[in-house]
Amino acid sequence: MIGHDCRSGGPPAGPGAACGECPAAAAGRRAFLRDVAFAAAGALVLTGGSAARALAASVAPVQPAGASGTQRTYPIPARDAIQVDASNDLILARWQGKVYAFSLRCPHRGARLEWRENEGRVFCPKHKARFAPDGTHDSGRESRDLDRYEIARQGASVTVDLGAVLHADQDADAWRAAVITVA
């Protein structure tokens, strides 16, 4: 049935000619997608996964615990996690014992970024750039690293200054310093 041309009701029109509405074609797609999912899961189990992929189960919305002017205060995440404060266009990331605060906007054209659970990376849907959880550009269309905000630790919280945006290409030292070690 896979080669059947449903529009004409005629005989099979050759491989790949199905309209996609046939029960046989739909069943074939389902089987294919199931097999791909099992293969991907198996590969992840065999490789042990990566630290970044472990964040996939730890993505959550977050709201500031306090605000004053351009500063926002957030509790330090208890474990590696990506938290998104959409109302302040902020990504708060705890990864490998460090906490970072980034703009939720792509540094290339300002598109809203998203977390790609299956990749363990931040992704720009507009131009397909990908960024590691520490904000460094790692693949896709060439772009500078994510814009970081100045961040300071205050006990069990971090204060992020939304008015102090740091660009890796303009002040690399300040950009690299915008991190808190929490080990």
N, C-alpha and C. Protein backbone atom coordinates (compact mmCIF):
# COMPACT_ATOMS: atom_id res chain seq x y z
N MET A 1 0.81 -1.21 0.00
CA MET A 1 0.00 0.00 0.00
C MET A 1 0.84 1.26 0.00
N ILE A 2 2.08 1.21 0.41
CA ILE A 2 2.89 2.42 0.54
C ILE A 2 2.99 3.18 -0.76
N GLY A 3 2.95 2.53 -1.89
CA GLY A 3 3.06 3.24 -3.15
C GLY A 3 1.72 3.64 -3.73
N HIS A 4 0.62 3.44 -3.07
CA HIS A 4 -0.71 3.73 -3.58
C HIS A 4 -0.95 5.24 -3.70
N ASP A 5 -1.52 5.70 -4.79
CA ASP A 5 -1.82 7.11 -5.00
C ASP A 5 -3.29 7.33 -4.68
N CYS A 6 -3.60 7.84 -3.47
CA CYS A 6 -4.97 7.99 -3.01
C CYS A 6 -5.78 8.98 -3.84
N ARG A 7 -5.14 9.97 -4.40
CA ARG A 7 -5.88 11.00 -5.14
C ARG A 7 -6.52 10.42 -6.40
N SER A 8 -5.82 9.53 -7.07
CA SER A 8 -6.36 9.00 -8.31
C SER A 8 -7.10 7.70 -8.12
N GLY A 9 -6.91 7.05 -6.98
CA GLY A 9 -7.54 5.77 -6.75
C GLY A 9 -6.90 4.68 -7.59
N GLY A 10 -5.82 5.03 -8.27
CA GLY A 10 -5.17 4.08 -9.17
C GLY A 10 -4.20 3.18 -8.45
N PRO A 11 -3.45 2.43 -9.23
CA PRO A 11 -2.49 1.50 -8.65
C PRO A 11 -1.34 2.25 -8.01
N PRO A 12 -0.51 1.55 -7.27
CA PRO A 12 0.64 2.19 -6.64
C PRO A 12 1.44 2.99 -7.64
N ALA A 13 1.82 4.20 -7.23
CA ALA A 13 2.54 5.11 -8.12
C ALA A 13 4.04 5.08 -7.88
N GLY A 14 4.51 4.13 -7.12
CA GLY A 14 5.95 4.03 -6.86
C GLY A 14 6.28 4.46 -5.45
N PRO A 15 7.48 4.16 -5.00
CA PRO A 15 7.88 4.49 -3.63
C PRO A 15 7.74 5.99 -3.35
N GLY A 16 7.20 6.30 -2.18
CA GLY A 16 7.09 7.69 -1.76
C GLY A 16 5.92 8.43 -2.35
N ALA A 17 5.03 7.77 -3.11
CA ALA A 17 3.94 8.47 -3.76
C ALA A 17 2.68 8.53 -2.92
N ALA A 18 2.67 7.96 -1.73
CA ALA A 18 1.47 7.96 -0.90
C ALA A 18 1.12 9.38 -0.50
N CYS A 19 -0.16 9.63 -0.34
CA CYS A 19 -0.62 10.98 -0.01
C CYS A 19 -0.38 11.33 1.45
N GLY A 20 -0.15 10.36 2.28
CA GLY A 20 0.05 10.63 3.69
C GLY A 20 -1.21 10.52 4.50
N GLU A 21 -2.37 10.32 3.84
CA GLU A 21 -3.62 10.18 4.55
C GLU A 21 -4.05 8.73 4.67
N CYS A 22 -3.42 7.83 3.97
CA CYS A 22 -3.76 6.41 4.02
C CYS A 22 -3.45 5.85 5.40
N PRO A 23 -4.26 4.94 5.92
CA PRO A 23 -3.92 4.30 7.18
C PRO A 23 -2.57 3.59 7.09
N ALA A 24 -2.27 3.01 5.94
CA ALA A 24 -1.00 2.30 5.78
C ALA A 24 0.18 3.28 5.85
N ALA A 25 0.04 4.45 5.23
CA ALA A 25 1.12 5.43 5.26
C ALA A 25 1.30 5.97 6.67
N ALA A 26 0.19 6.25 7.37
CA ALA A 26 0.27 6.76 8.73
C ALA A 26 0.93 5.73 9.64
N ALA A 27 0.56 4.47 9.50
CA ALA A 27 1.16 3.42 10.31
C ALA A 27 2.65 3.32 10.04
N GLY A 28 3.05 3.50 8.78
CA GLY A 28 4.46 3.46 8.44
C GLY A 28 5.23 4.59 9.10
N ARG A 29 4.65 5.80 9.13
CA ARG A 29 5.29 6.94 9.78
C ARG A 29 5.42 6.71 11.28
N ARG A 30 4.33 6.20 11.89
CA ARG A 30 4.36 5.93 13.33
C ARG A 30 5.46 4.92 13.67
N ALA A 31 5.56 3.87 12.88
CA ALA A 31 6.59 2.85 13.14
C ALA A 31 7.98 3.46 12.98
N PHE A 32 8.14 4.28 11.95
CA PHE A 32 9.43 4.92 11.72
C PHE A 32 9.80 5.82 12.90
N LEU A 33 8.87 6.68 13.32
CA LEU A 33 9.14 7.60 14.43
C LEU A 33 9.41 6.84 15.72
N ARG A 34 8.67 5.75 15.96
CA ARG A 34 8.90 4.93 17.15
C ARG A 34 10.31 4.36 17.13
N ASP A 35 10.72 3.81 15.96
CA ASP A 35 12.05 3.21 15.84
C ASP A 35 13.15 4.25 16.04
N VAL A 36 12.95 5.46 15.49
CA VAL A 36 13.93 6.53 15.68
C VAL A 36 14.02 6.92 17.15
N ALA A 37 12.88 7.03 17.82
CA ALA A 37 12.89 7.38 19.25
C ALA A 37 13.61 6.33 20.08
N PHE A 38 13.36 5.06 19.80
CA PHE A 38 14.06 3.99 20.53
C PHE A 38 15.55 4.03 20.26
N ALA A 39 15.93 4.28 19.03
CA ALA A 39 17.36 4.34 18.69
C ALA A 39 18.03 5.51 19.41
N ALA A 40 17.38 6.66 19.43
CA ALA A 40 17.95 7.83 20.11
C ALA A 40 18.07 7.58 21.61
N ALA A 41 17.04 6.98 22.20
CA ALA A 41 17.09 6.68 23.63
C ALA A 41 18.21 5.69 23.93
N GLY A 42 18.34 4.69 23.08
CA GLY A 42 19.40 3.70 23.26
C GLY A 42 20.78 4.33 23.16
N ALA A 43 20.95 5.23 22.21
CA ALA A 43 22.25 5.90 22.06
C ALA A 43 22.56 6.74 23.28
N LEU A 44 21.56 7.41 23.84
CA LEU A 44 21.77 8.23 25.02
C LEU A 44 22.15 7.35 26.21
N VAL A 45 21.50 6.20 26.37
CA VAL A 45 21.83 5.30 27.46
C VAL A 45 23.24 4.76 27.30
N LEU A 46 23.60 4.38 26.08
CA LEU A 46 24.94 3.82 25.83
C LEU A 46 26.04 4.84 26.08
N THR A 47 25.79 6.11 25.74
CA THR A 47 26.83 7.13 25.92
C THR A 47 26.80 7.71 27.32
N GLY A 48 25.77 7.38 28.09
CA GLY A 48 25.70 7.90 29.45
C GLY A 48 25.12 9.30 29.51
N GLY A 49 24.72 9.89 28.37
CA GLY A 49 24.17 11.24 28.35
C GLY A 49 25.26 12.26 28.64
N SER A 50 24.91 13.51 28.70
CA SER A 50 25.88 14.54 29.01
C SER A 50 25.36 15.38 30.17
N ALA A 51 26.25 16.13 30.79
CA ALA A 51 25.84 16.98 31.89
C ALA A 51 24.80 17.99 31.43
N ALA A 52 24.96 18.52 30.22
CA ALA A 52 24.00 19.50 29.72
C ALA A 52 22.64 18.86 29.51
N ARG A 53 22.59 17.63 29.02
CA ARG A 53 21.30 16.97 28.81
C ARG A 53 20.61 16.68 30.13
N ALA A 54 21.38 16.52 31.19
CA ALA A 54 20.79 16.28 32.50
C ALA A 54 19.95 17.48 32.93
N LEU A 55 20.24 18.65 32.38
CA LEU A 55 19.46 19.84 32.69
C LEU A 55 18.04 19.76 32.13
N ALA A 56 17.83 18.91 31.14
CA ALA A 56 16.54 18.85 30.45
C ALA A 56 15.38 18.65 31.42
N ALA A 57 15.60 17.87 32.47
CA ALA A 57 14.54 17.62 33.43
C ALA A 57 14.45 18.74 34.46
N SER A 58 15.29 19.76 34.33
CA SER A 58 15.38 20.80 35.34
C SER A 58 15.06 22.19 34.81
N VAL A 59 14.22 22.31 33.80
CA VAL A 59 13.86 23.61 33.26
C VAL A 59 12.56 24.06 33.91
N ALA A 60 12.55 25.28 34.43
CA ALA A 60 11.37 25.75 35.12
C ALA A 60 11.26 27.27 35.01
N PRO A 61 10.03 27.76 35.03
CA PRO A 61 9.86 29.21 35.09
C PRO A 61 10.26 29.70 36.48
N VAL A 62 10.71 30.93 36.57
CA VAL A 62 11.10 31.50 37.85
C VAL A 62 10.65 32.96 37.88
N GLN A 63 10.32 33.42 39.05
CA GLN A 63 9.99 34.83 39.28
C GLN A 63 10.97 35.38 40.31
N PRO A 64 11.31 36.64 40.21
CA PRO A 64 12.24 37.20 41.21
C PRO A 64 11.61 37.19 42.60
N ALA A 65 12.45 36.94 43.59
CA ALA A 65 12.00 37.00 44.98
C ALA A 65 11.97 38.44 45.46
N GLY A 66 12.70 39.31 44.75
CA GLY A 66 12.74 40.72 45.09
C GLY A 66 13.17 41.54 43.90
N ALA A 67 12.80 42.82 43.91
CA ALA A 67 13.17 43.72 42.82
C ALA A 67 13.40 45.11 43.37
N SER A 68 14.45 45.76 42.82
CA SER A 68 14.74 47.13 43.19
C SER A 68 15.42 47.78 41.99
N GLY A 69 14.74 48.71 41.35
CA GLY A 69 15.28 49.34 40.15
C GLY A 69 15.51 48.30 39.07
N THR A 70 16.74 48.19 38.60
CA THR A 70 17.06 47.21 37.55
C THR A 70 17.55 45.88 38.14
N GLN A 71 17.59 45.78 39.47
CA GLN A 71 18.08 44.56 40.10
C GLN A 71 16.95 43.61 40.46
N ARG A 72 17.20 42.32 40.20
CA ARG A 72 16.26 41.26 40.53
C ARG A 72 16.99 40.23 41.38
N THR A 73 16.33 39.72 42.41
CA THR A 73 16.93 38.72 43.29
C THR A 73 16.22 37.39 43.10
N TYR A 74 17.02 36.33 42.97
CA TYR A 74 16.50 34.97 42.76
C TYR A 74 17.20 34.02 43.73
N PRO A 75 16.48 33.00 44.21
CA PRO A 75 17.17 31.96 44.98
C PRO A 75 18.15 31.22 44.08
N ILE A 76 19.28 30.82 44.63
CA ILE A 76 20.23 30.01 43.85
C ILE A 76 19.60 28.65 43.64
N PRO A 77 19.54 28.19 42.39
CA PRO A 77 18.97 26.84 42.15
C PRO A 77 19.75 25.79 42.96
N ALA A 78 19.03 24.84 43.54
CA ALA A 78 19.63 23.82 44.39
C ALA A 78 20.50 22.84 43.63
N ARG A 79 20.25 22.70 42.32
CA ARG A 79 21.03 21.77 41.50
C ARG A 79 21.12 22.34 40.09
N ASP A 80 21.87 21.68 39.21
CA ASP A 80 21.98 22.16 37.83
C ASP A 80 20.58 22.30 37.24
N ALA A 81 20.30 23.48 36.72
CA ALA A 81 18.97 23.77 36.19
C ALA A 81 19.03 25.00 35.30
N ILE A 82 18.05 25.08 34.42
CA ILE A 82 17.81 26.28 33.62
C ILE A 82 16.48 26.84 34.09
N GLN A 83 16.49 28.11 34.47
CA GLN A 83 15.26 28.77 34.89
C GLN A 83 15.04 29.98 33.99
N VAL A 84 13.80 30.21 33.64
CA VAL A 84 13.47 31.30 32.73
C VAL A 84 12.49 32.25 33.40
N ASP A 85 12.88 33.52 33.45
CA ASP A 85 12.00 34.59 33.92
C ASP A 85 11.57 35.36 32.67
N ALA A 86 10.47 34.92 32.06
CA ALA A 86 10.01 35.50 30.80
C ALA A 86 9.62 36.97 30.97
N SER A 87 9.10 37.35 32.12
CA SER A 87 8.68 38.75 32.30
C SER A 87 9.87 39.71 32.33
N ASN A 88 11.05 39.22 32.65
CA ASN A 88 12.25 40.05 32.66
C ASN A 88 13.25 39.65 31.57
N ASP A 89 12.81 38.79 30.63
CA ASP A 89 13.69 38.33 29.53
C ASP A 89 15.03 37.82 30.04
N LEU A 90 14.97 36.91 31.02
CA LEU A 90 16.18 36.44 31.69
C LEU A 90 16.24 34.92 31.74
N ILE A 91 17.44 34.39 31.53
CA ILE A 91 17.73 32.98 31.75
C ILE A 91 18.68 32.91 32.92
N LEU A 92 18.33 32.15 33.95
CA LEU A 92 19.21 31.91 35.08
C LEU A 92 19.65 30.45 34.97
N ALA A 93 20.94 30.23 34.85
CA ALA A 93 21.45 28.88 34.64
C ALA A 93 22.43 28.49 35.73
N ARG A 94 22.19 27.34 36.35
CA ARG A 94 23.19 26.73 37.23
C ARG A 94 23.71 25.53 36.47
N TRP A 95 25.02 25.50 36.25
CA TRP A 95 25.62 24.44 35.45
C TRP A 95 27.03 24.19 35.93
N GLN A 96 27.32 22.96 36.28
CA GLN A 96 28.65 22.53 36.70
C GLN A 96 29.23 23.42 37.81
N GLY A 97 28.40 23.70 38.84
CA GLY A 97 28.86 24.44 40.00
C GLY A 97 28.96 25.94 39.82
N LYS A 98 28.38 26.48 38.74
CA LYS A 98 28.43 27.92 38.50
C LYS A 98 27.02 28.42 38.15
N VAL A 99 26.75 29.68 38.46
CA VAL A 99 25.47 30.30 38.14
C VAL A 99 25.73 31.47 37.20
N TYR A 100 24.92 31.54 36.13
CA TYR A 100 25.01 32.59 35.11
C TYR A 100 23.64 33.21 34.93
N ALA A 101 23.61 34.47 34.50
CA ALA A 101 22.36 35.14 34.14
C ALA A 101 22.53 35.71 32.74
N PHE A 102 21.61 35.35 31.84
CA PHE A 102 21.69 35.77 30.44
C PHE A 102 20.41 36.46 30.02
N SER A 103 20.54 37.22 28.95
CA SER A 103 19.37 37.77 28.29
C SER A 103 18.65 36.64 27.58
N LEU A 104 17.33 36.68 27.59
CA LEU A 104 16.51 35.70 26.88
C LEU A 104 16.41 36.03 25.39
N ARG A 105 17.12 37.06 24.97
CA ARG A 105 17.10 37.50 23.57
C ARG A 105 18.41 37.12 22.88
N CYS A 106 18.31 36.67 21.64
CA CYS A 106 19.48 36.30 20.86
C CYS A 106 20.35 37.54 20.61
N PRO A 107 21.65 37.41 20.77
CA PRO A 107 22.52 38.57 20.54
C PRO A 107 22.61 38.96 19.06
N HIS A 108 22.16 38.10 18.17
CA HIS A 108 22.25 38.40 16.74
C HIS A 108 21.16 39.35 16.28
N ARG A 109 19.89 38.99 16.50
CA ARG A 109 18.78 39.84 16.05
C ARG A 109 17.68 40.01 17.09
N GLY A 110 17.92 39.58 18.32
CA GLY A 110 16.94 39.81 19.38
C GLY A 110 15.78 38.84 19.45
N ALA A 111 15.82 37.75 18.70
CA ALA A 111 14.74 36.76 18.77
C ALA A 111 14.74 36.12 20.16
N ARG A 112 13.56 35.73 20.62
CA ARG A 112 13.46 35.07 21.92
C ARG A 112 14.06 33.68 21.83
N LEU A 113 14.96 33.38 22.76
CA LEU A 113 15.64 32.10 22.80
C LEU A 113 14.76 31.05 23.48
N GLU A 114 15.10 29.80 23.26
CA GLU A 114 14.39 28.71 23.93
C GLU A 114 15.39 27.64 24.35
N TRP A 115 15.01 26.87 25.36
CA TRP A 115 15.84 25.76 25.83
C TRP A 115 15.47 24.53 25.02
N ARG A 116 16.45 23.88 24.43
CA ARG A 116 16.26 22.64 23.68
C ARG A 116 16.62 21.47 24.58
N GLU A 117 15.60 20.85 25.15
CA GLU A 117 15.82 19.74 26.08
C GLU A 117 16.62 18.61 25.44
N ASN A 118 16.27 18.28 24.19
CA ASN A 118 16.93 17.14 23.54
C ASN A 118 18.39 17.41 23.21
N GLU A 119 18.81 18.65 23.22
CA GLU A 119 20.20 19.00 22.91
C GLU A 119 20.98 19.46 24.14
N GLY A 120 20.26 19.85 25.19
CA GLY A 120 20.93 20.41 26.36
C GLY A 120 21.57 21.75 26.07
N ARG A 121 20.91 22.54 25.19
CA ARG A 121 21.47 23.84 24.81
C ARG A 121 20.35 24.87 24.63
N VAL A 122 20.77 26.12 24.70
CA VAL A 122 19.88 27.24 24.38
C VAL A 122 19.90 27.36 22.86
N PHE A 123 18.74 27.66 22.27
CA PHE A 123 18.58 27.64 20.81
C PHE A 123 17.88 28.91 20.35
N CYS A 124 18.35 29.46 19.23
CA CYS A 124 17.67 30.59 18.59
C CYS A 124 16.86 30.04 17.43
N PRO A 125 15.53 30.08 17.51
CA PRO A 125 14.70 29.54 16.43
C PRO A 125 14.76 30.37 15.15
N LYS A 126 15.22 31.61 15.24
CA LYS A 126 15.26 32.46 14.06
C LYS A 126 16.41 32.11 13.12
N HIS A 127 17.61 31.88 13.69
CA HIS A 127 18.74 31.60 12.80
C HIS A 127 19.52 30.34 13.19
N LYS A 128 18.95 29.54 14.07
CA LYS A 128 19.46 28.19 14.40
C LYS A 128 20.80 28.18 15.14
N ALA A 129 21.17 29.27 15.80
CA ALA A 129 22.39 29.27 16.62
C ALA A 129 22.10 28.51 17.91
N ARG A 130 23.13 27.87 18.44
CA ARG A 130 23.01 27.11 19.67
C ARG A 130 24.08 27.58 20.65
N PHE A 131 23.71 27.57 21.94
CA PHE A 131 24.58 28.07 22.99
C PHE A 131 24.63 27.08 24.14
N ALA A 132 25.82 26.87 24.69
CA ALA A 132 25.99 25.99 25.85
C ALA A 132 25.34 26.64 27.06
N PRO A 133 25.09 25.87 28.13
CA PRO A 133 24.46 26.44 29.33
C PRO A 133 25.28 27.54 30.01
N ASP A 134 26.55 27.71 29.63
CA ASP A 134 27.33 28.83 30.17
C ASP A 134 27.26 30.06 29.27
N GLY A 135 26.47 29.97 28.19
CA GLY A 135 26.25 31.11 27.31
C GLY A 135 27.17 31.19 26.11
N THR A 136 28.13 30.30 26.00
CA THR A 136 29.04 30.36 24.85
C THR A 136 28.37 29.79 23.60
N HIS A 137 28.59 30.46 22.48
CA HIS A 137 28.07 29.99 21.20
C HIS A 137 28.80 28.71 20.85
N ASP A 138 28.06 27.66 20.46
CA ASP A 138 28.76 26.43 20.13
C ASP A 138 28.41 25.81 18.79
N SER A 139 27.37 26.28 18.13
CA SER A 139 27.09 25.78 16.78
C SER A 139 25.98 26.61 16.14
N GLY A 140 25.73 26.32 14.88
CA GLY A 140 24.71 27.07 14.14
C GLY A 140 25.30 28.35 13.58
N ARG A 141 24.42 29.21 13.12
CA ARG A 141 24.86 30.47 12.52
C ARG A 141 25.79 31.22 13.47
N GLU A 142 26.82 31.79 12.92
CA GLU A 142 27.82 32.50 13.72
C GLU A 142 27.15 33.63 14.50
N SER A 143 27.44 33.70 15.76
CA SER A 143 26.89 34.72 16.64
C SER A 143 27.86 34.92 17.79
N ARG A 144 27.76 36.05 18.45
CA ARG A 144 28.58 36.21 19.65
C ARG A 144 27.92 35.38 20.75
N ASP A 145 28.64 35.20 21.85
CA ASP A 145 28.10 34.48 23.00
C ASP A 145 26.89 35.24 23.54
N LEU A 146 26.06 34.54 24.32
CA LEU A 146 24.88 35.19 24.89
C LEU A 146 25.29 36.38 25.76
N ASP A 147 24.44 37.39 25.78
CA ASP A 147 24.69 38.56 26.61
C ASP A 147 24.43 38.17 28.06
N ARG A 148 25.42 38.40 28.90
CA ARG A 148 25.30 38.11 30.33
C ARG A 148 24.95 39.38 31.09
N TYR A 149 24.34 39.18 32.25
CA TYR A 149 24.10 40.28 33.17
C TYR A 149 25.09 40.17 34.33
N GLU A 150 25.43 41.31 34.92
CA GLU A 150 26.23 41.28 36.14
C GLU A 150 25.42 40.54 37.19
N ILE A 151 26.13 39.75 37.99
CA ILE A 151 25.47 38.91 38.98
C ILE A 151 26.29 38.92 40.26
N ALA A 152 25.64 38.94 41.42
CA ALA A 152 26.34 38.94 42.71
C ALA A 152 25.61 38.00 43.66
N ARG A 153 26.38 37.35 44.49
CA ARG A 153 25.79 36.42 45.46
C ARG A 153 25.47 37.16 46.75
N GLN A 154 24.30 36.84 47.32
CA GLN A 154 23.89 37.37 48.62
C GLN A 154 23.31 36.21 49.41
N GLY A 155 24.17 35.49 50.13
CA GLY A 155 23.74 34.33 50.90
C GLY A 155 23.27 33.22 49.97
N ALA A 156 22.00 32.83 50.12
CA ALA A 156 21.42 31.76 49.30
C ALA A 156 20.73 32.30 48.05
N SER A 157 20.99 33.56 47.73
CA SER A 157 20.36 34.20 46.57
C SER A 157 21.41 34.83 45.68
N VAL A 158 20.97 35.17 44.47
CA VAL A 158 21.80 35.94 43.55
C VAL A 158 21.01 37.18 43.15
N THR A 159 21.75 38.27 42.98
CA THR A 159 21.14 39.51 42.49
C THR A 159 21.66 39.73 41.08
N VAL A 160 20.74 39.93 40.16
CA VAL A 160 21.06 40.14 38.75
C VAL A 160 20.73 41.59 38.42
N ASP A 161 21.68 42.28 37.78
CA ASP A 161 21.45 43.67 37.39
C ASP A 161 21.07 43.71 35.92
N LEU A 162 19.78 43.86 35.64
CA LEU A 162 19.28 43.89 34.26
C LEU A 162 19.75 45.12 33.50
N GLY A 163 20.26 46.11 34.21
CA GLY A 163 20.78 47.31 33.57
C GLY A 163 22.26 47.19 33.19
N ALA A 164 22.89 46.10 33.57
CA ALA A 164 24.32 45.91 33.30
C ALA A 164 24.49 44.71 32.36
N VAL A 165 24.27 44.96 31.07
CA VAL A 165 24.39 43.91 30.05
C VAL A 165 25.84 43.84 29.58
N LEU A 166 26.39 42.63 29.58
CA LEU A 166 27.79 42.43 29.20
C LEU A 166 27.86 41.64 27.90
N HIS A 167 28.62 42.18 26.95
CA HIS A 167 28.80 41.55 25.64
C HIS A 167 30.20 40.93 25.57
N ALA A 168 30.28 39.67 25.23
CA ALA A 168 31.57 38.96 25.19
C ALA A 168 32.54 39.60 24.20
N ASP A 169 32.01 40.16 23.12
CA ASP A 169 32.89 40.74 22.10
C ASP A 169 33.33 42.16 22.43
N GLN A 170 32.69 42.81 23.41
CA GLN A 170 33.06 44.18 23.76
C GLN A 170 33.89 44.26 25.04
N ASP A 171 33.60 43.39 25.99
CA ASP A 171 34.35 43.37 27.25
C ASP A 171 34.45 41.93 27.74
N ALA A 172 35.36 41.19 27.12
CA ALA A 172 35.49 39.76 27.39
C ALA A 172 35.80 39.47 28.86
N ASP A 173 36.63 40.29 29.50
CA ASP A 173 36.99 40.05 30.90
C ASP A 173 35.77 40.19 31.81
N ALA A 174 34.99 41.25 31.63
CA ALA A 174 33.79 41.45 32.45
C ALA A 174 32.78 40.35 32.17
N TRP A 175 32.64 39.95 30.90
CA TRP A 175 31.71 38.88 30.54
C TRP A 175 32.10 37.59 31.25
N ARG A 176 33.39 37.24 31.21
CA ARG A 176 33.85 36.00 31.87
C ARG A 176 33.68 36.08 33.39
N ALA A 177 33.79 37.27 33.95
CA ALA A 177 33.68 37.45 35.41
C ALA A 177 32.23 37.43 35.90
N ALA A 178 31.27 37.52 35.03
CA ALA A 178 29.86 37.56 35.41
C ALA A 178 29.35 36.13 35.68
N VAL A 179 29.86 35.57 36.75
CA VAL A 179 29.53 34.19 37.14
C VAL A 179 29.73 34.06 38.64
N ILE A 180 28.97 33.18 39.25
CA ILE A 180 29.12 32.89 40.67
C ILE A 180 29.41 31.39 40.81
N THR A 181 30.40 31.06 41.59
CA THR A 181 30.71 29.65 41.86
C THR A 181 29.92 29.21 43.09
N VAL A 182 29.19 28.11 42.94
CA VAL A 182 28.36 27.61 44.05
C VAL A 182 28.74 26.20 44.48
N ALA A 183 29.53 25.52 43.67
CA ALA A 183 29.98 24.14 43.90
C ALA A 183 29.09 23.39 44.75
